[in-house]
N, C-alpha and C. Protein backbone atom coordinates (compact mmCIF):
# COMPACT_ATOMS: atom_id res chain seq x y z
N MET A 1 21.39 -24.92 -27.40
CA MET A 1 20.55 -25.13 -28.56
C MET A 1 19.44 -24.08 -28.56
N MET A 2 19.14 -23.54 -29.74
CA MET A 2 18.10 -22.54 -29.91
C MET A 2 17.02 -23.12 -30.82
N THR A 3 15.75 -22.91 -30.45
CA THR A 3 14.63 -23.35 -31.27
C THR A 3 13.61 -22.23 -31.41
N VAL A 4 12.79 -22.32 -32.46
CA VAL A 4 11.67 -21.39 -32.65
C VAL A 4 10.43 -22.23 -32.92
N THR A 5 9.31 -21.85 -32.29
CA THR A 5 8.04 -22.54 -32.47
C THR A 5 7.16 -21.69 -33.37
N VAL A 6 6.88 -22.16 -34.59
CA VAL A 6 6.10 -21.38 -35.55
C VAL A 6 4.63 -21.74 -35.57
N SER A 7 4.26 -22.90 -34.97
CA SER A 7 2.88 -23.36 -35.00
C SER A 7 2.66 -24.42 -33.94
N LYS A 8 1.41 -24.50 -33.46
CA LYS A 8 1.07 -25.57 -32.52
C LYS A 8 0.99 -26.93 -33.22
N HIS A 9 1.06 -26.92 -34.56
CA HIS A 9 0.97 -28.15 -35.34
C HIS A 9 2.33 -28.69 -35.78
N ARG A 10 3.39 -27.98 -35.44
CA ARG A 10 4.74 -28.40 -35.84
C ARG A 10 5.66 -28.42 -34.63
N ALA A 11 6.62 -29.31 -34.66
CA ALA A 11 7.65 -29.36 -33.61
C ALA A 11 8.51 -28.10 -33.73
N PRO A 12 9.11 -27.67 -32.62
CA PRO A 12 10.03 -26.53 -32.69
C PRO A 12 11.14 -26.80 -33.70
N ILE A 13 11.58 -25.73 -34.35
CA ILE A 13 12.62 -25.83 -35.38
C ILE A 13 13.94 -25.38 -34.77
N GLU A 14 14.97 -26.19 -34.92
CA GLU A 14 16.28 -25.80 -34.42
C GLU A 14 16.88 -24.74 -35.34
N VAL A 15 17.38 -23.67 -34.73
CA VAL A 15 18.00 -22.57 -35.49
C VAL A 15 19.33 -22.21 -34.84
N LYS A 16 20.17 -21.51 -35.59
CA LYS A 16 21.49 -21.15 -35.09
C LYS A 16 21.57 -19.70 -34.62
N SER A 17 20.56 -18.89 -34.97
CA SER A 17 20.61 -17.47 -34.63
C SER A 17 19.21 -16.87 -34.61
N PHE A 18 19.11 -15.66 -34.07
CA PHE A 18 17.85 -14.94 -34.10
C PHE A 18 17.45 -14.64 -35.54
N ALA A 19 18.41 -14.32 -36.39
CA ALA A 19 18.13 -14.04 -37.80
C ALA A 19 17.52 -15.26 -38.48
N GLU A 20 18.06 -16.43 -38.20
CA GLU A 20 17.52 -17.65 -38.80
C GLU A 20 16.11 -17.92 -38.26
N ALA A 21 15.87 -17.65 -36.99
CA ALA A 21 14.53 -17.82 -36.41
C ALA A 21 13.54 -16.91 -37.13
N SER A 22 13.94 -15.68 -37.37
CA SER A 22 13.09 -14.73 -38.09
C SER A 22 12.77 -15.24 -39.49
N ARG A 23 13.77 -15.75 -40.18
CA ARG A 23 13.56 -16.28 -41.53
C ARG A 23 12.60 -17.47 -41.53
N GLU A 24 12.74 -18.35 -40.54
CA GLU A 24 11.86 -19.53 -40.46
C GLU A 24 10.41 -19.10 -40.24
N VAL A 25 10.21 -18.12 -39.37
CA VAL A 25 8.86 -17.61 -39.12
C VAL A 25 8.29 -17.00 -40.40
N SER A 26 9.05 -16.15 -41.05
CA SER A 26 8.58 -15.51 -42.28
C SER A 26 8.28 -16.54 -43.36
N ARG A 27 9.12 -17.55 -43.47
CA ARG A 27 8.92 -18.63 -44.45
C ARG A 27 7.61 -19.38 -44.16
N TYR A 28 7.38 -19.67 -42.89
CA TYR A 28 6.16 -20.40 -42.51
C TYR A 28 4.91 -19.56 -42.81
N ILE A 29 4.95 -18.29 -42.45
CA ILE A 29 3.80 -17.41 -42.67
C ILE A 29 3.51 -17.27 -44.16
N SER A 30 4.52 -16.92 -44.93
CA SER A 30 4.30 -16.71 -46.37
C SER A 30 3.96 -18.01 -47.09
N GLY A 31 4.58 -19.10 -46.67
CA GLY A 31 4.32 -20.39 -47.30
C GLY A 31 2.90 -20.88 -47.11
N ASN A 32 2.25 -20.40 -46.05
CA ASN A 32 0.87 -20.79 -45.77
C ASN A 32 -0.13 -19.68 -46.10
N GLY A 33 0.38 -18.53 -46.53
CA GLY A 33 -0.49 -17.43 -46.89
C GLY A 33 -1.27 -16.85 -45.72
N PHE A 34 -0.69 -16.89 -44.53
CA PHE A 34 -1.38 -16.41 -43.34
C PHE A 34 -1.36 -14.90 -43.21
N GLY A 35 -2.48 -14.33 -42.82
CA GLY A 35 -2.52 -12.97 -42.31
C GLY A 35 -2.13 -13.04 -40.85
N ALA A 36 -1.99 -11.90 -40.22
CA ALA A 36 -1.54 -11.87 -38.82
C ALA A 36 -2.48 -12.65 -37.90
N SER A 37 -3.78 -12.40 -37.98
CA SER A 37 -4.70 -13.07 -37.05
C SER A 37 -4.76 -14.57 -37.31
N GLU A 38 -4.63 -14.98 -38.57
CA GLU A 38 -4.61 -16.41 -38.87
C GLU A 38 -3.38 -17.07 -38.27
N TRP A 39 -2.23 -16.41 -38.39
CA TRP A 39 -1.01 -16.98 -37.84
C TRP A 39 -1.05 -17.03 -36.32
N TYR A 40 -1.53 -15.95 -35.70
CA TYR A 40 -1.60 -15.93 -34.24
C TYR A 40 -2.48 -17.08 -33.73
N ALA A 41 -3.52 -17.43 -34.48
CA ALA A 41 -4.37 -18.56 -34.10
C ALA A 41 -3.62 -19.89 -34.18
N GLU A 42 -2.55 -19.94 -34.96
CA GLU A 42 -1.73 -21.14 -35.11
C GLU A 42 -0.77 -21.35 -33.94
N LEU A 43 -0.53 -20.31 -33.16
CA LEU A 43 0.47 -20.38 -32.10
C LEU A 43 -0.06 -21.14 -30.89
N PRO A 44 0.81 -21.88 -30.21
CA PRO A 44 0.37 -22.73 -29.10
C PRO A 44 0.36 -22.02 -27.75
N PHE A 45 0.08 -20.71 -27.75
CA PHE A 45 0.16 -19.95 -26.51
C PHE A 45 -1.19 -19.35 -26.17
N THR A 46 -1.23 -18.44 -25.24
CA THR A 46 -2.46 -17.80 -24.81
C THR A 46 -2.98 -16.84 -25.87
N LYS A 47 -4.17 -16.29 -25.64
CA LYS A 47 -4.74 -15.31 -26.57
C LYS A 47 -3.90 -14.05 -26.66
N LYS A 48 -3.04 -13.83 -25.69
CA LYS A 48 -2.16 -12.67 -25.71
C LYS A 48 -0.92 -12.91 -26.56
N ALA A 49 -0.74 -14.12 -27.04
CA ALA A 49 0.46 -14.46 -27.81
C ALA A 49 0.53 -13.61 -29.06
N LYS A 50 1.65 -13.01 -29.28
CA LYS A 50 1.85 -12.17 -30.47
C LYS A 50 3.15 -12.52 -31.17
N GLY A 51 3.60 -13.75 -31.03
CA GLY A 51 4.81 -14.13 -31.72
C GLY A 51 5.22 -15.56 -31.48
N ALA A 52 6.20 -15.98 -32.27
CA ALA A 52 6.75 -17.32 -32.19
C ALA A 52 7.85 -17.35 -31.13
N ALA A 53 7.72 -18.23 -30.17
CA ALA A 53 8.67 -18.29 -29.06
C ALA A 53 10.02 -18.83 -29.51
N ILE A 54 11.07 -18.16 -29.05
CA ILE A 54 12.44 -18.63 -29.24
C ILE A 54 12.93 -19.11 -27.89
N HIS A 55 13.38 -20.36 -27.86
CA HIS A 55 13.92 -20.94 -26.63
C HIS A 55 15.41 -21.19 -26.80
N GLU A 56 16.17 -20.87 -25.77
CA GLU A 56 17.59 -21.20 -25.73
C GLU A 56 17.79 -22.13 -24.55
N ASN A 57 18.24 -23.34 -24.85
CA ASN A 57 18.44 -24.37 -23.83
C ASN A 57 17.18 -24.57 -22.99
N GLY A 58 16.02 -24.58 -23.65
CA GLY A 58 14.76 -24.87 -22.99
C GLY A 58 14.09 -23.70 -22.29
N VAL A 59 14.69 -22.52 -22.30
CA VAL A 59 14.13 -21.35 -21.64
C VAL A 59 13.79 -20.30 -22.69
N GLN A 60 12.55 -19.78 -22.65
CA GLN A 60 12.19 -18.76 -23.62
C GLN A 60 12.95 -17.47 -23.33
N THR A 61 13.63 -16.96 -24.35
CA THR A 61 14.40 -15.73 -24.20
C THR A 61 13.93 -14.62 -25.13
N ALA A 62 13.15 -14.98 -26.16
CA ALA A 62 12.74 -14.00 -27.15
C ALA A 62 11.55 -14.53 -27.92
N PHE A 63 11.02 -13.67 -28.81
CA PHE A 63 9.96 -14.10 -29.71
C PHE A 63 10.05 -13.31 -31.01
N VAL A 64 9.46 -13.89 -32.05
CA VAL A 64 9.43 -13.25 -33.37
C VAL A 64 8.00 -12.82 -33.63
N SER A 65 7.80 -11.55 -33.96
CA SER A 65 6.47 -11.05 -34.27
C SER A 65 6.15 -11.30 -35.75
N TYR A 66 4.90 -11.08 -36.13
CA TYR A 66 4.42 -11.35 -37.49
C TYR A 66 5.29 -10.67 -38.55
N ASN A 67 5.80 -9.49 -38.26
CA ASN A 67 6.60 -8.76 -39.23
C ASN A 67 8.06 -9.22 -39.29
N GLY A 68 8.40 -10.29 -38.55
CA GLY A 68 9.74 -10.86 -38.60
C GLY A 68 10.72 -10.23 -37.63
N ARG A 69 10.27 -9.24 -36.87
CA ARG A 69 11.16 -8.60 -35.90
C ARG A 69 11.30 -9.50 -34.67
N VAL A 70 12.47 -9.47 -34.06
CA VAL A 70 12.76 -10.32 -32.90
C VAL A 70 12.80 -9.43 -31.66
N TRP A 71 12.14 -9.90 -30.61
CA TRP A 71 12.00 -9.14 -29.37
C TRP A 71 12.48 -9.97 -28.19
N ARG A 72 13.15 -9.34 -27.26
CA ARG A 72 13.61 -10.00 -26.05
C ARG A 72 12.42 -10.19 -25.11
N GLY A 73 12.33 -11.35 -24.47
CA GLY A 73 11.27 -11.59 -23.48
C GLY A 73 10.29 -12.64 -23.92
N VAL A 74 9.13 -12.65 -23.26
CA VAL A 74 8.07 -13.62 -23.57
C VAL A 74 7.14 -13.06 -24.62
N GLU A 75 6.31 -13.94 -25.19
CA GLU A 75 5.56 -13.59 -26.39
C GLU A 75 4.32 -12.72 -26.17
N ASP A 76 3.93 -12.41 -24.95
CA ASP A 76 2.74 -11.56 -24.79
C ASP A 76 3.14 -10.10 -25.01
N PHE A 77 2.98 -9.67 -26.26
CA PHE A 77 3.49 -8.38 -26.72
C PHE A 77 2.88 -7.23 -25.94
N LYS A 78 3.73 -6.33 -25.54
CA LYS A 78 3.31 -5.08 -24.93
C LYS A 78 4.39 -4.06 -25.23
N MET A 79 4.05 -2.82 -25.13
CA MET A 79 5.03 -1.77 -25.39
C MET A 79 6.21 -1.93 -24.42
N GLY A 80 7.38 -1.62 -24.91
CA GLY A 80 8.55 -1.64 -24.06
C GLY A 80 9.47 -2.83 -24.26
N HIS A 81 9.06 -3.81 -25.06
CA HIS A 81 9.97 -4.91 -25.34
C HIS A 81 11.17 -4.39 -26.12
N GLU A 82 12.33 -4.92 -25.80
CA GLU A 82 13.55 -4.53 -26.48
C GLU A 82 13.70 -5.34 -27.77
N GLU A 83 13.87 -4.64 -28.89
CA GLU A 83 14.06 -5.33 -30.16
C GLU A 83 15.51 -5.84 -30.26
N ILE A 84 15.65 -7.03 -30.78
CA ILE A 84 16.97 -7.62 -31.02
C ILE A 84 17.25 -7.45 -32.51
N ALA A 85 18.28 -6.72 -32.85
CA ALA A 85 18.62 -6.52 -34.25
C ALA A 85 19.13 -7.81 -34.86
N VAL A 86 18.60 -8.16 -36.03
CA VAL A 86 19.04 -9.38 -36.71
C VAL A 86 19.67 -9.08 -38.04
């Protein structure tokens, strides 16, 4: 099972693919009119959090950044993360 967490105020959303996770994040951001810093404040992670965590079978494997791009690894964005094409 794959889930994406778009906000600390909502339960993780079950998704079938990285592309669907990206769409859910974009839908949440645009639906609430969030700028990047407003959305990052919504995330349930540390101040270094720069994306919505994607978990596969309970283990974080990727994250979605504000621009909808999907990256392999944990959400504390730094140069060198591998982008996952969706």
